[in-house]
Amino acid sequence: MAPPLPPLLGPPLLHLPEWSFSNYPITYTENTSPTFVTTGNPFLDFFFHVVPDTPPRSLKHRLCSAWNHDPLTTLKLVFNLRGVRGTGKSDTDGFYTAELWLHQNHPKTLAANVGSIAGFGYLKDLPEILCQLVQGPDKRDHEKKPETSRLRKVKRLEMARKALDKYSDDPNYRFLFERISDYFAEHLKNDMKLYVSGEFRKVSLAAKWCPSLDYSHDRVTLICESIAKKVFPKEMYPEYEGIEEAHYAYRVRDRLRKQVLVPLRKVLELPEVYIGANRWDSIPYNRVASVAMSLYKNKFLKHDRARFTKYLEGAKAEKTKINAGSLLPHLIVTWRKR
């Protein structure tokens, strides 16, 4: 007689974890209501507790805990911090803190996600991250101070030397630098093809956010030269054959500005271009981005009141639109009340 067949075994019974908050420490909200310090879930803790003005030390602690639990989910939460078009919290400082932590602990992960940084935020985030890696997160001084021409020259030489040392001595920084340089160069080359074919509406914002030669981001990182050399590689342009490297670098930097950035910025109809040229009556308000609209509203009213008021009335009547995708609700309400 054959032995009896063993019984079929189904999947093991699944039990929900028996969470107990009885031993979790208590804290208080801004309204002095009691709450637990943690939810018991590092992802939920990161999402709930990391908000604008969260101290960097606290953010890094929660980021490390979440990363040890699951890196990919944590990476999604990091990019949610930056999301500026309805995809996240628009927490610029928190995002930069997280990105610097990534560079320190997982540099290749950061470099592999250069495109996502630009996609969730702005292309300007890329050179800004490089600047913070060179100078440190607390050393960006945007306040204009009176300086003599000699002092400015000494300061620029010191910044250039610091940028070169960082590139030479830090392989992780160098790898990220080259990835960012490649990203800008590829977008600019593609945009020039669109420009030549007359497809202006398809041109990206790479020219807008590409660091301008000898301006803030370029002074700190010297990235313009790298981008220019990749847009105009020596081996593909016979006119650069046989010339000294320094002369080649000078010529392609100037060529990048004149033949790429200037024409592309013109077709992008950037408000900054019109403002800089004092052409207030020519600003295409329907092309003004939401953040720029919030920033320049009072200037538009001061210099071009009649036309700007007409534009606002058209938007109110739904005959035209105001770009507001990057503004959070409380910013829109504040803007409306001004």
C-alpha atoms as a PDB file:
ATOM      1  CA  MET A   1       0.000   0.000   0.000  1.00  0.00           C
ATOM      2  CA  ALA A   2       1.411   3.355  -1.070  1.00  0.00           C
ATOM      3  CA  PRO A   3       2.147   5.822   1.673  1.00  0.00           C
ATOM      4  CA  PRO A   4      -0.340   8.695   1.933  1.00  0.00           C
ATOM      5  CA  LEU A   5       0.483  11.812  -0.027  1.00  0.00           C
ATOM      6  CA  PRO A   6       1.619  14.737   2.049  1.00  0.00           C
ATOM      7  CA  PRO A   7      -0.962  17.505   2.344  1.00  0.00           C
ATOM      8  CA  LEU A   8      -0.662  20.581   0.144  1.00  0.00           C
ATOM      9  CA  LEU A   9       0.728  23.504   2.046  1.00  0.00           C
ATOM     10  CA  GLY A  10      -0.601  26.953   1.433  1.00  0.00           C
ATOM     11  CA  PRO A  11       1.253  30.202   2.126  1.00  0.00           C
ATOM     12  CA  PRO A  12       1.976  30.911   5.759  1.00  0.00           C
ATOM     13  CA  LEU A  13      -0.580  32.946   7.643  1.00  0.00           C
ATOM     14  CA  LEU A  14       0.164  36.604   7.432  1.00  0.00           C
ATOM     15  CA  HIS A  15      -0.146  38.666  10.581  1.00  0.00           C
ATOM     16  CA  LEU A  16      -0.013  42.401  10.773  1.00  0.00           C
ATOM     17  CA  PRO A  17       2.859  43.509  12.966  1.00  0.00           C
ATOM     18  CA  GLU A  18       1.701  44.274  16.433  1.00  0.00           C
ATOM     19  CA  TRP A  19       2.804  47.901  16.707  1.00  0.00           C
ATOM     20  CA  SER A  20       2.890  49.300  20.174  1.00  0.00           C
ATOM     21  CA  PHE A  21       3.405  52.999  20.728  1.00  0.00           C
ATOM     22  CA  SER A  22       3.231  52.676  24.495  1.00  0.00           C
ATOM     23  CA  ASN A  23       7.009  52.923  24.832  1.00  0.00           C
ATOM     24  CA  TYR A  24       7.552  55.661  22.202  1.00  0.00           C
ATOM     25  CA  PRO A  25       8.588  59.060  23.535  1.00  0.00           C
ATOM     26  CA  ILE A  26       6.087  61.896  23.439  1.00  0.00           C
ATOM     27  CA  THR A  27       6.661  65.417  22.147  1.00  0.00           C
ATOM     28  CA  TYR A  28       4.403  68.392  21.471  1.00  0.00           C
ATOM     29  CA  THR A  29       3.281  70.122  18.295  1.00  0.00           C
ATOM     30  CA  GLU A  30       3.387  73.871  17.676  1.00  0.00           C
ATOM     31  CA  ASN A  31      -0.137  73.987  19.128  1.00  0.00           C
ATOM     32  CA  THR A  32       1.093  72.201  22.298  1.00  0.00           C
ATOM     33  CA  SER A  33      -0.803  69.035  21.409  1.00  0.00           C
ATOM     34  CA  PRO A  34       0.888  65.746  22.393  1.00  0.00           C
ATOM     35  CA  THR A  35       2.233  63.552  19.615  1.00  0.00           C
ATOM     36  CA  PHE A  36       4.654  60.674  19.222  1.00  0.00           C
ATOM     37  CA  VAL A  37       8.248  61.435  18.215  1.00  0.00           C
ATOM     38  CA  THR A  38       8.185  58.684  15.584  1.00  0.00           C
ATOM     39  CA  THR A  39       5.596  56.733  13.615  1.00  0.00           C
ATOM     40  CA  GLY A  40       7.754  53.616  13.692  1.00  0.00           C
ATOM     41  CA  ASN A  41       8.199  53.921   9.900  1.00  0.00           C
ATOM     42  CA  PRO A  42      11.365  55.752   8.730  1.00  0.00           C
ATOM     43  CA  PHE A  43       9.764  56.713   5.380  1.00  0.00           C
ATOM     44  CA  LEU A  44       6.727  58.250   7.024  1.00  0.00           C
ATOM     45  CA  ASP A  45       8.960  60.008   9.561  1.00  0.00           C
ATOM     46  CA  PHE A  46      11.023  61.523   6.735  1.00  0.00           C
ATOM     47  CA  PHE A  47       7.977  62.588   4.735  1.00  0.00           C
ATOM     48  CA  PHE A  48       6.120  64.035   7.727  1.00  0.00           C
ATOM     49  CA  HIS A  49       8.939  65.675   9.678  1.00  0.00           C
ATOM     50  CA  VAL A  50      11.189  67.023   6.904  1.00  0.00           C
ATOM     51  CA  VAL A  51       9.638  70.360   5.994  1.00  0.00           C
ATOM     52  CA  PRO A  52      11.090  73.787   5.104  1.00  0.00           C
ATOM     53  CA  ASP A  53      13.427  75.062   7.840  1.00  0.00           C
ATOM     54  CA  THR A  54      14.093  71.561   9.183  1.00  0.00           C
ATOM     55  CA  PRO A  55      17.648  71.707  10.641  1.00  0.00           C
ATOM     56  CA  PRO A  56      20.168  69.940   8.380  1.00  0.00           C
ATOM     57  CA  ARG A  57      21.278  67.672  11.224  1.00  0.00           C
ATOM     58  CA  SER A  58      17.721  66.411  11.770  1.00  0.00           C
ATOM     59  CA  LEU A  59      17.161  65.931   8.042  1.00  0.00           C
ATOM     60  CA  LYS A  60      20.363  63.925   7.641  1.00  0.00           C
ATOM     61  CA  HIS A  61      19.478  61.733  10.619  1.00  0.00           C
ATOM     62  CA  ARG A  62      16.066  60.864   9.154  1.00  0.00           C
ATOM     63  CA  LEU A  63      17.564  60.453   5.690  1.00  0.00           C
ATOM     64  CA  CYS A  64      20.154  57.983   6.985  1.00  0.00           C
ATOM     65  CA  SER A  65      17.509  55.950   8.842  1.00  0.00           C
ATOM     66  CA  ALA A  66      15.270  55.777   5.778  1.00  0.00           C
ATOM     67  CA  TRP A  67      18.181  54.906   3.463  1.00  0.00           C
ATOM     68  CA  ASN A  68      19.197  51.989   5.678  1.00  0.00           C
ATOM     69  CA  HIS A  69      15.619  50.720   5.387  1.00  0.00           C
ATOM     70  CA  ASP A  70      15.328  51.005   1.572  1.00  0.00           C
ATOM     71  CA  PRO A  71      17.528  53.227  -0.653  1.00  0.00           C
ATOM     72  CA  LEU A  72      15.210  53.501  -3.676  1.00  0.00           C
ATOM     73  CA  THR A  73      12.142  54.557  -1.692  1.00  0.00           C
ATOM     74  CA  THR A  74      14.299  57.070   0.176  1.00  0.00           C
ATOM     75  CA  LEU A  75      15.602  58.455  -3.103  1.00  0.00           C
ATOM     76  CA  LYS A  76      12.011  59.038  -4.226  1.00  0.00           C
ATOM     77  CA  LEU A  77      11.318  60.920  -1.000  1.00  0.00           C
ATOM     78  CA  VAL A  78      14.432  63.059  -1.544  1.00  0.00           C
ATOM     79  CA  PHE A  79      13.253  64.101  -4.999  1.00  0.00           C
ATOM     80  CA  ASN A  80       9.784  64.744  -3.606  1.00  0.00           C
ATOM     81  CA  LEU A  81      11.444  67.458  -1.503  1.00  0.00           C
ATOM     82  CA  ARG A  82      12.417  69.355  -4.657  1.00  0.00           C
ATOM     83  CA  GLY A  83       9.368  68.776  -6.861  1.00  0.00           C
ATOM     84  CA  VAL A  84       8.359  72.246  -8.064  1.00  0.00           C
ATOM     85  CA  ARG A  85       5.529  71.567 -10.524  1.00  0.00           C
ATOM     86  CA  GLY A  86       2.978  69.981  -8.260  1.00  0.00           C
ATOM     87  CA  THR A  87       5.200  66.933  -7.737  1.00  0.00           C
ATOM     88  CA  GLY A  88       6.604  67.729  -4.295  1.00  0.00           C
ATOM     89  CA  LYS A  89       7.292  70.143  -1.459  1.00  0.00           C
ATOM     90  CA  SER A  90       9.439  72.739  -3.282  1.00  0.00           C
ATOM     91  CA  ASP A  91      11.868  72.602  -0.351  1.00  0.00           C
ATOM     92  CA  THR A  92      15.028  73.862  -2.041  1.00  0.00           C
ATOM     93  CA  ASP A  93      17.294  74.005   1.016  1.00  0.00           C
ATOM     94  CA  GLY A  94      16.168  70.615   2.285  1.00  0.00           C
ATOM     95  CA  PHE A  95      16.775  69.087  -1.133  1.00  0.00           C
ATOM     96  CA  TYR A  96      20.273  70.560  -1.370  1.00  0.00           C
ATOM     97  CA  THR A  97      21.095  69.221   2.104  1.00  0.00           C
ATOM     98  CA  ALA A  98      19.951  65.762   1.019  1.00  0.00           C
ATOM     99  CA  GLU A  99      21.920  65.960  -2.241  1.00  0.00           C
ATOM    100  CA  LEU A 100      25.114  66.903  -0.400  1.00  0.00           C
ATOM    101  CA  TRP A 101      24.531  63.929   1.923  1.00  0.00           C
ATOM    102  CA  LEU A 102      24.134  61.716  -1.144  1.00  0.00           C
ATOM    103  CA  HIS A 103      27.366  63.037  -2.640  1.00  0.00           C
ATOM    104  CA  GLN A 104      29.210  62.314   0.590  1.00  0.00           C
ATOM    105  CA  ASN A 105      27.786  58.821   1.095  1.00  0.00           C
ATOM    106  CA  HIS A 106      26.612  57.607  -2.334  1.00  0.00           C
ATOM    107  CA  PRO A 107      28.294  59.845  -4.946  1.00  0.00           C
ATOM    108  CA  LYS A 108      27.602  57.658  -7.976  1.00  0.00           C
ATOM    109  CA  THR A 109      23.894  57.518  -7.127  1.00  0.00           C
ATOM    110  CA  LEU A 110      23.820  61.312  -7.164  1.00  0.00           C
ATOM    111  CA  ALA A 111      25.741  61.533 -10.440  1.00  0.00           C
ATOM    112  CA  ALA A 112      23.489  58.915 -12.065  1.00  0.00           C
ATOM    113  CA  ASN A 113      20.432  61.066 -11.321  1.00  0.00           C
ATOM    114  CA  VAL A 114      21.573  64.374 -12.828  1.00  0.00           C
ATOM    115  CA  GLY A 115      18.662  64.316 -15.273  1.00  0.00           C
ATOM    116  CA  SER A 116      16.158  63.732 -12.477  1.00  0.00           C
ATOM    117  CA  ILE A 117      17.563  66.655 -10.495  1.00  0.00           C
ATOM    118  CA  ALA A 118      16.829  68.929 -13.430  1.00  0.00           C
ATOM    119  CA  GLY A 119      13.463  67.280 -14.071  1.00  0.00           C
ATOM    120  CA  PHE A 120      12.069  67.581 -10.557  1.00  0.00           C
ATOM    121  CA  GLY A 121      13.577  71.029 -10.007  1.00  0.00           C
ATOM    122  CA  TYR A 122      15.438  73.334 -12.363  1.00  0.00           C
ATOM    123  CA  LEU A 123      18.595  73.046 -14.409  1.00  0.00           C
ATOM    124  CA  LYS A 124      20.077  75.734 -12.176  1.00  0.00           C
ATOM    125  CA  ASP A 125      20.115  73.168  -9.344  1.00  0.00           C
ATOM    126  CA  LEU A 126      23.016  71.396 -11.056  1.00  0.00           C
ATOM    127  CA  PRO A 127      25.603  74.220 -10.933  1.00  0.00           C
ATOM    128  CA  GLU A 128      24.263  75.258  -7.519  1.00  0.00           C
ATOM    129  CA  ILE A 129      25.062  71.808  -6.103  1.00  0.00           C
ATOM    130  CA  LEU A 130      28.578  72.061  -7.541  1.00  0.00           C
ATOM    131  CA  CYS A 131      28.970  75.492  -5.946  1.00  0.00           C
ATOM    132  CA  GLN A 132      27.954  74.168  -2.554  1.00  0.00           C
ATOM    133  CA  LEU A 133      30.393  71.286  -2.886  1.00  0.00           C
ATOM    134  CA  VAL A 134      33.222  73.724  -3.622  1.00  0.00           C
ATOM    135  CA  GLN A 135      32.334  76.437  -1.114  1.00  0.00           C
ATOM    136  CA  GLY A 136      30.268  74.618   1.473  1.00  0.00           C
ATOM    137  CA  PRO A 137      26.498  74.964   1.987  1.00  0.00           C
ATOM    138  CA  ASP A 138      26.786  78.027   4.255  1.00  0.00           C
ATOM    139  CA  LYS A 139      29.289  80.097   2.283  1.00  0.00           C
ATOM    140  CA  ARG A 140      27.170  81.374  -0.589  1.00  0.00           C
ATOM    141  CA  ASP A 141      27.230  85.136  -0.015  1.00  0.00           C
ATOM    142  CA  HIS A 142      24.706  86.898  -2.244  1.00  0.00           C
ATOM    143  CA  GLU A 143      25.025  90.214  -0.454  1.00  0.00           C
ATOM    144  CA  LYS A 144      26.827  92.787  -2.566  1.00  0.00           C
ATOM    145  CA  LYS A 145      29.705  94.455  -0.769  1.00  0.00           C
ATOM    146  CA  PRO A 146      31.854  97.327  -1.979  1.00  0.00           C
ATOM    147  CA  GLU A 147      35.170  96.042  -3.303  1.00  0.00           C
ATOM    148  CA  THR A 148      38.122  97.597  -5.050  1.00  0.00           C
ATOM    149  CA  SER A 149      39.054  96.251  -8.481  1.00  0.00           C
ATOM    150  CA  ARG A 150      42.267  94.818  -7.025  1.00  0.00           C
ATOM    151  CA  LEU A 151      40.382  93.010  -4.257  1.00  0.00           C
ATOM    152  CA  ARG A 152      37.902  91.588  -6.792  1.00  0.00           C
ATOM    153  CA  LYS A 153      40.764  90.289  -8.908  1.00  0.00           C
ATOM    154  CA  VAL A 154      42.448  88.623  -5.926  1.00  0.00           C
ATOM    155  CA  LYS A 155      39.130  87.101  -4.841  1.00  0.00           C
ATOM    156  CA  ARG A 156      38.437  85.680  -8.313  1.00  0.00           C
ATOM    157  CA  LEU A 157      41.912  84.151  -8.506  1.00  0.00           C
ATOM    158  CA  GLU A 158      41.371  82.495  -5.129  1.00  0.00           C
ATOM    159  CA  MET A 159      37.996  81.127  -6.268  1.00  0.00           C
ATOM    160  CA  ALA A 160      39.506  79.778  -9.494  1.00  0.00           C
ATOM    161  CA  ARG A 161      42.334  78.083  -7.612  1.00  0.00           C
ATOM    162  CA  LYS A 162      39.851  76.531  -5.193  1.00  0.00           C
ATOM    163  CA  ALA A 163      37.728  75.225  -8.085  1.00  0.00           C
ATOM    164  CA  LEU A 164      40.763  73.705  -9.811  1.00  0.00           C
ATOM    165  CA  ASP A 165      41.968  72.069  -6.597  1.00  0.00           C
ATOM    166  CA  LYS A 166      38.533  70.582  -5.950  1.00  0.00           C
ATOM    167  CA  TYR A 167      38.360  69.171  -9.467  1.00  0.00           C
ATOM    168  CA  SER A 168      41.895  67.792  -9.282  1.00  0.00           C
ATOM    169  CA  ASP A 169      41.811  66.324  -5.762  1.00  0.00           C
ATOM    170  CA  ASP A 170      38.246  64.975  -5.457  1.00  0.00           C
ATOM    171  CA  PRO A 171      37.400  62.183  -7.964  1.00  0.00           C
ATOM    172  CA  ASN A 172      33.752  62.053  -6.875  1.00  0.00           C
ATOM    173  CA  TYR A 173      33.344  65.788  -7.467  1.00  0.00           C
ATOM    174  CA  ARG A 174      35.148  65.475 -10.816  1.00  0.00           C
ATOM    175  CA  PHE A 175      32.786  62.685 -11.913  1.00  0.00           C
ATOM    176  CA  LEU A 176      29.708  64.742 -10.982  1.00  0.00           C
ATOM    177  CA  PHE A 177      31.186  67.862 -12.626  1.00  0.00           C
ATOM    178  CA  GLU A 178      31.675  66.002 -15.912  1.00  0.00           C
ATOM    179  CA  ARG A 179      28.170  64.516 -15.779  1.00  0.00           C
ATOM    180  CA  ILE A 180      26.659  67.968 -15.319  1.00  0.00           C
ATOM    181  CA  SER A 181      28.866  69.456 -18.022  1.00  0.00           C
ATOM    182  CA  ASP A 182      27.816  66.666 -20.414  1.00  0.00           C
ATOM    183  CA  TYR A 183      24.152  67.273 -19.581  1.00  0.00           C
ATOM    184  CA  PHE A 184      24.302  70.973 -20.423  1.00  0.00           C
ATOM    185  CA  ALA A 185      26.394  70.421 -23.556  1.00  0.00           C
ATOM    186  CA  GLU A 186      24.031  67.782 -24.988  1.00  0.00           C
ATOM    187  CA  HIS A 187      20.962  69.929 -24.358  1.00  0.00           C
ATOM    188  CA  LEU A 188      22.568  73.013 -25.880  1.00  0.00           C
ATOM    189  CA  LYS A 189      23.663  71.130 -29.004  1.00  0.00           C
ATOM    190  CA  ASN A 190      20.173  69.719 -29.447  1.00  0.00           C
ATOM    191  CA  ASP A 191      18.621  73.153 -28.851  1.00  0.00           C
ATOM    192  CA  MET A 192      20.817  74.675 -31.551  1.00  0.00           C
ATOM    193  CA  LYS A 193      19.493  72.099 -34.019  1.00  0.00           C
ATOM    194  CA  LEU A 194      15.953  73.109 -33.079  1.00  0.00           C
ATOM    195  CA  TYR A 195      16.920  76.778 -33.377  1.00  0.00           C
ATOM    196  CA  VAL A 196      18.333  76.313 -36.876  1.00  0.00           C
ATOM    197  CA  SER A 197      15.211  74.409 -37.973  1.00  0.00           C
ATOM    198  CA  GLY A 198      12.960  77.128 -36.528  1.00  0.00           C
ATOM    199  CA  GLU A 199      11.359  74.887 -33.889  1.00  0.00           C
ATOM    200  CA  PHE A 200      11.683  77.508 -31.171  1.00  0.00           C
ATOM    201  CA  ARG A 201       8.863  76.158 -28.991  1.00  0.00           C
ATOM    202  CA  LYS A 202      10.792  72.922 -28.476  1.00  0.00           C
ATOM    203  CA  VAL A 203      13.935  74.635 -27.198  1.00  0.00           C
ATOM    204  CA  SER A 204      14.716  73.646 -23.608  1.00  0.00           C
ATOM    205  CA  LEU A 205      15.683  75.986 -20.767  1.00  0.00           C
ATOM    206  CA  ALA A 206      19.314  74.835 -20.846  1.00  0.00           C
ATOM    207  CA  ALA A 207      20.472  78.205 -22.220  1.00  0.00           C
ATOM    208  CA  LYS A 208      18.600  80.056 -19.486  1.00  0.00           C
ATOM    209  CA  TRP A 209      20.243  78.147 -16.659  1.00  0.00           C
ATOM    210  CA  CYS A 210      23.626  77.457 -18.222  1.00  0.00           C
ATOM    211  CA  PRO A 211      26.189  79.375 -16.142  1.00  0.00           C
ATOM    212  CA  SER A 212      27.271  82.567 -17.899  1.00  0.00           C
ATOM    213  CA  LEU A 213      30.982  83.126 -18.381  1.00  0.00           C
ATOM    214  CA  ASP A 214      32.601  84.910 -15.399  1.00  0.00           C
ATOM    215  CA  TYR A 215      29.334  85.134 -13.454  1.00  0.00           C
ATOM    216  CA  SER A 216      28.595  83.616 -10.035  1.00  0.00           C
ATOM    217  CA  HIS A 217      28.286  79.887 -10.777  1.00  0.00           C
ATOM    218  CA  ASP A 218      31.092  79.936 -13.315  1.00  0.00           C
ATOM    219  CA  ARG A 219      33.440  81.864 -11.036  1.00  0.00           C
ATOM    220  CA  VAL A 220      33.022  79.209  -8.370  1.00  0.00           C
ATOM    221  CA  THR A 221      33.158  76.105 -10.606  1.00  0.00           C
ATOM    222  CA  LEU A 222      34.761  77.168 -13.936  1.00  0.00           C
ATOM    223  CA  ILE A 223      32.228  74.930 -15.683  1.00  0.00           C
ATOM    224  CA  CYS A 224      31.628  77.186 -18.698  1.00  0.00           C
ATOM    225  CA  GLU A 225      34.921  76.207 -20.279  1.00  0.00           C
ATOM    226  CA  SER A 226      34.090  72.512 -19.931  1.00  0.00           C
ATOM    227  CA  ILE A 227      30.646  72.988 -21.504  1.00  0.00           C
ATOM    228  CA  ALA A 228      32.074  75.101 -24.339  1.00  0.00           C
ATOM    229  CA  LYS A 229      34.709  72.499 -25.201  1.00  0.00           C
ATOM    230  CA  LYS A 230      32.028  69.802 -25.410  1.00  0.00           C
ATOM    231  CA  VAL A 231      29.757  71.926 -27.590  1.00  0.00           C
ATOM    232  CA  PHE A 232      32.700  72.801 -29.862  1.00  0.00           C
ATOM    233  CA  PRO A 233      35.152  69.854 -29.573  1.00  0.00           C
ATOM    234  CA  LYS A 234      38.542  70.581 -31.085  1.00  0.00           C
ATOM    235  CA  GLU A 235      38.612  67.417 -33.193  1.00  0.00           C
ATOM    236  CA  MET A 236      35.398  68.380 -35.021  1.00  0.00           C
ATOM    237  CA  TYR A 237      36.365  71.959 -35.892  1.00  0.00           C
ATOM    238  CA  PRO A 238      39.382  72.370 -38.209  1.00  0.00           C
ATOM    239  CA  GLU A 239      39.814  76.032 -37.211  1.00  0.00           C
ATOM    240  CA  TYR A 240      41.052  74.921 -33.788  1.00  0.00           C
ATOM    241  CA  GLU A 241      43.655  72.516 -35.100  1.00  0.00           C
ATOM    242  CA  GLY A 242      47.161  73.296 -33.901  1.00  0.00           C
ATOM    243  CA  ILE A 243      46.304  76.224 -31.641  1.00  0.00           C
ATOM    244  CA  GLU A 244      47.380  76.360 -28.008  1.00  0.00           C
ATOM    245  CA  GLU A 245      44.982  74.964 -25.408  1.00  0.00           C
ATOM    246  CA  ALA A 246      44.587  78.298 -23.620  1.00  0.00           C
ATOM    247  CA  HIS A 247      43.699  80.074 -26.867  1.00  0.00           C
ATOM    248  CA  TYR A 248      41.294  77.286 -27.833  1.00  0.00           C
ATOM    249  CA  ALA A 249      39.562  77.561 -24.441  1.00  0.00           C
ATOM    250  CA  TYR A 250      39.234  81.336 -24.802  1.00  0.00           C
ATOM    251  CA  ARG A 251      37.757  81.097 -28.289  1.00  0.00           C
ATOM    252  CA  VAL A 252      35.169  78.403 -27.520  1.00  0.00           C
ATOM    253  CA  ARG A 253      34.037  80.178 -24.332  1.00  0.00           C
ATOM    254  CA  ASP A 254      33.378  83.319 -26.353  1.00  0.00           C
ATOM    255  CA  ARG A 255      31.757  81.300 -29.127  1.00  0.00           C
ATOM    256  CA  LEU A 256      29.440  79.572 -26.647  1.00  0.00           C
ATOM    257  CA  ARG A 257      28.206  82.938 -25.439  1.00  0.00           C
ATOM    258  CA  LYS A 258      27.785  84.590 -28.847  1.00  0.00           C
ATOM    259  CA  GLN A 259      26.584  81.712 -31.018  1.00  0.00           C
ATOM    260  CA  VAL A 260      24.648  79.579 -28.520  1.00  0.00           C
ATOM    261  CA  LEU A 261      23.533  81.286 -25.315  1.00  0.00           C
ATOM    262  CA  VAL A 262      22.613  84.694 -26.729  1.00  0.00           C
ATOM    263  CA  PRO A 263      20.417  83.460 -29.623  1.00  0.00           C
ATOM    264  CA  LEU A 264      18.774  80.714 -27.553  1.00  0.00           C
ATOM    265  CA  ARG A 265      17.973  83.088 -24.700  1.00  0.00           C
ATOM    266  CA  LYS A 266      16.457  85.471 -27.218  1.00  0.00           C
ATOM    267  CA  VAL A 267      13.994  82.908 -28.599  1.00  0.00           C
ATOM    268  CA  LEU A 268      13.105  81.797 -25.056  1.00  0.00           C
ATOM    269  CA  GLU A 269      11.780  85.339 -24.476  1.00  0.00           C
ATOM    270  CA  LEU A 270      13.114  85.419 -20.934  1.00  0.00           C
ATOM    271  CA  PRO A 271      11.792  88.357 -18.873  1.00  0.00           C
ATOM    272  CA  GLU A 272      15.287  88.962 -17.517  1.00  0.00           C
ATOM    273  CA  VAL A 273      16.505  89.764 -21.031  1.00  0.00           C
ATOM    274  CA  TYR A 274      13.799  92.404 -21.530  1.00  0.00           C
ATOM    275  CA  ILE A 275      14.290  93.812 -18.032  1.00  0.00           C
ATOM    276  CA  GLY A 276      18.043  94.078 -18.515  1.00  0.00           C
ATOM    277  CA  ALA A 277      17.494  95.947 -21.785  1.00  0.00           C
ATOM    278  CA  ASN A 278      14.833  98.184 -20.172  1.00  0.00           C
ATOM    279  CA  ARG A 279      12.263  96.951 -22.720  1.00  0.00           C
ATOM    280  CA  TRP A 280       9.353  96.637 -20.301  1.00  0.00           C
ATOM    281  CA  ASP A 281       6.759  97.302 -22.993  1.00  0.00           C
ATOM    282  CA  SER A 282       7.893  94.223 -24.936  1.00  0.00           C
ATOM    283  CA  ILE A 283       7.749  91.583 -22.196  1.00  0.00           C
ATOM    284  CA  PRO A 284       5.555  88.618 -23.281  1.00  0.00           C
ATOM    285  CA  TYR A 285       3.715  88.101 -19.988  1.00  0.00           C
ATOM    286  CA  ASN A 286       2.223  84.781 -21.067  1.00  0.00           C
ATOM    287  CA  ARG A 287       5.782  83.408 -21.224  1.00  0.00           C
ATOM    288  CA  VAL A 288       6.779  84.579 -17.749  1.00  0.00           C
ATOM    289  CA  ALA A 289       7.322  81.663 -15.360  1.00  0.00           C
ATOM    290  CA  SER A 290       5.373  81.516 -12.103  1.00  0.00           C
ATOM    291  CA  VAL A 291       8.309  82.296  -9.811  1.00  0.00           C
ATOM    292  CA  ALA A 292       9.424  85.193 -12.018  1.00  0.00           C
ATOM    293  CA  MET A 293       5.859  86.535 -12.106  1.00  0.00           C
ATOM    294  CA  SER A 294       5.736  86.525  -8.318  1.00  0.00           C
ATOM    295  CA  LEU A 295       9.170  88.134  -8.108  1.00  0.00           C
ATOM    296  CA  TYR A 296       8.674  90.879 -10.715  1.00  0.00           C
ATOM    297  CA  LYS A 297       4.968  91.697 -10.322  1.00  0.00           C
ATOM    298  CA  ASN A 298       5.560  95.071  -8.676  1.00  0.00           C
ATOM    299  CA  LYS A 299       8.200  96.001 -11.237  1.00  0.00           C
ATOM    300  CA  PHE A 300       5.803  95.161 -14.061  1.00  0.00           C
ATOM    301  CA  LEU A 301       3.190  97.429 -12.485  1.00  0.00           C
ATOM    302  CA  LYS A 302       5.705 100.220 -12.044  1.00  0.00           C
ATOM    303  CA  HIS A 303       7.201 100.175 -15.541  1.00  0.00           C
ATOM    304  CA  ASP A 304       4.367  98.772 -17.704  1.00  0.00           C
ATOM    305  CA  ARG A 305       1.179  99.255 -15.693  1.00  0.00           C
ATOM    306  CA  ALA A 306      -1.344  99.595 -18.524  1.00  0.00           C
ATOM    307  CA  ARG A 307      -0.236  96.553 -20.495  1.00  0.00           C
ATOM    308  CA  PHE A 308       0.344  94.383 -17.405  1.00  0.00           C
ATOM    309  CA  THR A 309      -3.059  95.319 -15.944  1.00  0.00           C
ATOM    310  CA  LYS A 310      -4.689  94.396 -19.237  1.00  0.00           C
ATOM    311  CA  TYR A 311      -2.900  91.046 -19.129  1.00  0.00           C
ATOM    312  CA  LEU A 312      -4.154  90.385 -15.581  1.00  0.00           C
ATOM    313  CA  GLU A 313      -7.701  91.276 -16.592  1.00  0.00           C
ATOM    314  CA  GLY A 314      -7.440  88.861 -19.505  1.00  0.00           C
ATOM    315  CA  ALA A 315      -6.254  86.119 -17.158  1.00  0.00           C
ATOM    316  CA  LYS A 316      -9.151  86.846 -14.798  1.00  0.00           C
ATOM    317  CA  ALA A 317     -11.573  86.523 -17.719  1.00  0.00           C
ATOM    318  CA  GLU A 318      -9.816  83.272 -18.738  1.00  0.00           C
ATOM    319  CA  LYS A 319      -8.757  84.779 -22.070  1.00  0.00           C
ATOM    320  CA  THR A 320      -5.120  84.177 -21.275  1.00  0.00           C
ATOM    321  CA  LYS A 321      -3.236  82.265 -18.579  1.00  0.00           C
ATOM    322  CA  ILE A 322      -0.863  82.911 -15.710  1.00  0.00           C
ATOM    323  CA  ASN A 323       1.796  80.288 -15.142  1.00  0.00           C
ATOM    324  CA  ALA A 324       1.433  79.129 -11.546  1.00  0.00           C
ATOM    325  CA  GLY A 325       2.619  75.532 -11.662  1.00  0.00           C
ATOM    326  CA  SER A 326       5.665  76.141  -9.461  1.00  0.00           C
ATOM    327  CA  LEU A 327       3.891  78.129  -6.748  1.00  0.00           C
ATOM    328  CA  LEU A 328       2.521  76.483  -3.630  1.00  0.00           C
ATOM    329  CA  PRO A 329      -1.026  77.422  -2.545  1.00  0.00           C
ATOM    330  CA  HIS A 330       0.076  79.754   0.243  1.00  0.00           C
ATOM    331  CA  LEU A 331       2.369  81.611  -2.191  1.00  0.00           C
ATOM    332  CA  ILE A 332      -0.489  82.066  -4.657  1.00  0.00           C
ATOM    333  CA  VAL A 333      -2.716  83.477  -1.887  1.00  0.00           C
ATOM    334  CA  THR A 334       0.079  85.821  -0.752  1.00  0.00           C
ATOM    335  CA  TRP A 335       0.649  86.954  -4.340  1.00  0.00           C
ATOM    336  CA  ARG A 336      -3.082  87.604  -4.793  1.00  0.00           C
ATOM    337  CA  LYS A 337      -3.299  89.727  -1.638  1.00  0.00           C
ATOM    338  CA  ARG A 338      -0.470  92.064  -2.607  1.00  0.00           C
END
